[in-house]
Amino acid sequence: MGKIILRLDRMMVERKMSLNELAERVGISNVNLSKIKNNRVTAIRFSTLAAICEVLDCEAGDILEFQKE
């Protein structure tokens, strides 16, 4: 079975945005955003994903990647 990999770190580098700035603009804690960035979550709310995409001016597919096992 495959899995979804979060590539938030790559998008943050492309947009030159720090964890602290993104967390503040999205409205979530640094700790929770760090977990998302480092792929330590098993779920993410669509509202959080939408807010991240809005701030980073990207599509969900720019952050989410399917990886076959």
C-alpha atoms as a PDB file:
ATOM      1  CA  MET A   1       0.000   0.000   0.000  1.00  0.00           C
ATOM      2  CA  GLY A   2       1.267   3.460  -0.863  1.00  0.00           C
ATOM      3  CA  LYS A   3       1.400   6.489   1.373  1.00  0.00           C
ATOM      4  CA  ILE A   4       1.008  10.238   1.176  1.00  0.00           C
ATOM      5  CA  ILE A   5       4.139  12.306   1.765  1.00  0.00           C
ATOM      6  CA  LEU A   6       3.913  15.967   2.748  1.00  0.00           C
ATOM      7  CA  ARG A   7       6.373  18.188   0.885  1.00  0.00           C
ATOM      8  CA  LEU A   8       5.675  21.358   2.836  1.00  0.00           C
ATOM      9  CA  ASP A   9       9.364  21.882   3.565  1.00  0.00           C
ATOM     10  CA  ARG A  10      10.157  22.085  -0.163  1.00  0.00           C
ATOM     11  CA  MET A  11       7.368  24.608  -0.797  1.00  0.00           C
ATOM     12  CA  MET A  12       8.474  26.752   2.158  1.00  0.00           C
ATOM     13  CA  VAL A  13      12.013  26.915   0.729  1.00  0.00           C
ATOM     14  CA  GLU A  14      10.674  27.869  -2.705  1.00  0.00           C
ATOM     15  CA  ARG A  15       8.575  30.641  -1.160  1.00  0.00           C
ATOM     16  CA  LYS A  16      11.380  31.696   1.226  1.00  0.00           C
ATOM     17  CA  MET A  17       9.039  31.469   4.215  1.00  0.00           C
ATOM     18  CA  SER A  18      10.045  30.484   7.734  1.00  0.00           C
ATOM     19  CA  LEU A  19       8.136  28.067   9.933  1.00  0.00           C
ATOM     20  CA  ASN A  20       7.271  30.874  12.350  1.00  0.00           C
ATOM     21  CA  GLU A  21       5.942  33.166   9.629  1.00  0.00           C
ATOM     22  CA  LEU A  22       3.853  30.440   8.003  1.00  0.00           C
ATOM     23  CA  ALA A  23       2.447  29.261  11.337  1.00  0.00           C
ATOM     24  CA  GLU A  24       1.436  32.805  12.245  1.00  0.00           C
ATOM     25  CA  ARG A  25      -0.170  33.503   8.858  1.00  0.00           C
ATOM     26  CA  VAL A  26      -2.010  30.155   8.778  1.00  0.00           C
ATOM     27  CA  GLY A  27      -3.138  30.451  12.396  1.00  0.00           C
ATOM     28  CA  ILE A  28      -1.717  27.228  13.832  1.00  0.00           C
ATOM     29  CA  SER A  29       0.990  26.590  16.402  1.00  0.00           C
ATOM     30  CA  ASN A  30       4.636  26.233  15.445  1.00  0.00           C
ATOM     31  CA  VAL A  31       4.612  22.745  16.973  1.00  0.00           C
ATOM     32  CA  ASN A  32       1.704  21.549  14.821  1.00  0.00           C
ATOM     33  CA  LEU A  33       3.128  23.103  11.670  1.00  0.00           C
ATOM     34  CA  SER A  34       6.499  21.525  12.423  1.00  0.00           C
ATOM     35  CA  LYS A  35       4.819  18.105  12.660  1.00  0.00           C
ATOM     36  CA  ILE A  36       3.201  18.670   9.260  1.00  0.00           C
ATOM     37  CA  LYS A  37       6.469  19.923   7.755  1.00  0.00           C
ATOM     38  CA  ASN A  38       8.407  16.918   9.061  1.00  0.00           C
ATOM     39  CA  ASN A  39       5.790  14.346   7.998  1.00  0.00           C
ATOM     40  CA  ARG A  40       4.900  13.369  11.566  1.00  0.00           C
ATOM     41  CA  VAL A  41       1.126  13.504  11.120  1.00  0.00           C
ATOM     42  CA  THR A  42      -1.343  10.860  10.007  1.00  0.00           C
ATOM     43  CA  ALA A  43      -4.076  13.346   9.098  1.00  0.00           C
ATOM     44  CA  ILE A  44      -4.484  16.992   8.167  1.00  0.00           C
ATOM     45  CA  ARG A  45      -7.699  18.994   8.106  1.00  0.00           C
ATOM     46  CA  PHE A  46      -8.774  20.282   4.735  1.00  0.00           C
ATOM     47  CA  SER A  47      -9.213  23.729   6.283  1.00  0.00           C
ATOM     48  CA  THR A  48      -5.576  23.689   7.431  1.00  0.00           C
ATOM     49  CA  LEU A  49      -4.392  22.462   4.042  1.00  0.00           C
ATOM     50  CA  ALA A  50      -6.450  25.172   2.322  1.00  0.00           C
ATOM     51  CA  ALA A  51      -4.994  27.870   4.592  1.00  0.00           C
ATOM     52  CA  ILE A  52      -1.447  26.665   3.900  1.00  0.00           C
ATOM     53  CA  CYS A  53      -2.109  26.672   0.155  1.00  0.00           C
ATOM     54  CA  GLU A  54      -3.590  30.158   0.364  1.00  0.00           C
ATOM     55  CA  VAL A  55      -0.585  31.581   2.210  1.00  0.00           C
ATOM     56  CA  LEU A  56       1.977  29.796   0.018  1.00  0.00           C
ATOM     57  CA  ASP A  57       0.004  30.514  -3.176  1.00  0.00           C
ATOM     58  CA  CYS A  58       0.109  26.892  -4.300  1.00  0.00           C
ATOM     59  CA  GLU A  59      -2.108  23.886  -5.010  1.00  0.00           C
ATOM     60  CA  ALA A  60      -2.618  20.964  -2.633  1.00  0.00           C
ATOM     61  CA  GLY A  61      -0.787  18.781  -5.169  1.00  0.00           C
ATOM     62  CA  ASP A  62       2.314  20.931  -4.683  1.00  0.00           C
ATOM     63  CA  ILE A  63       2.406  19.835  -1.044  1.00  0.00           C
ATOM     64  CA  LEU A  64       0.988  16.294  -1.183  1.00  0.00           C
ATOM     65  CA  GLU A  65       2.783  13.475  -2.984  1.00  0.00           C
ATOM     66  CA  PHE A  66       1.730   9.834  -3.381  1.00  0.00           C
ATOM     67  CA  GLN A  67       4.534   7.346  -2.903  1.00  0.00           C
ATOM     68  CA  LYS A  68       4.164   3.704  -3.899  1.00  0.00           C
ATOM     69  CA  GLU A  69       5.628   1.137  -1.526  1.00  0.00           C
END
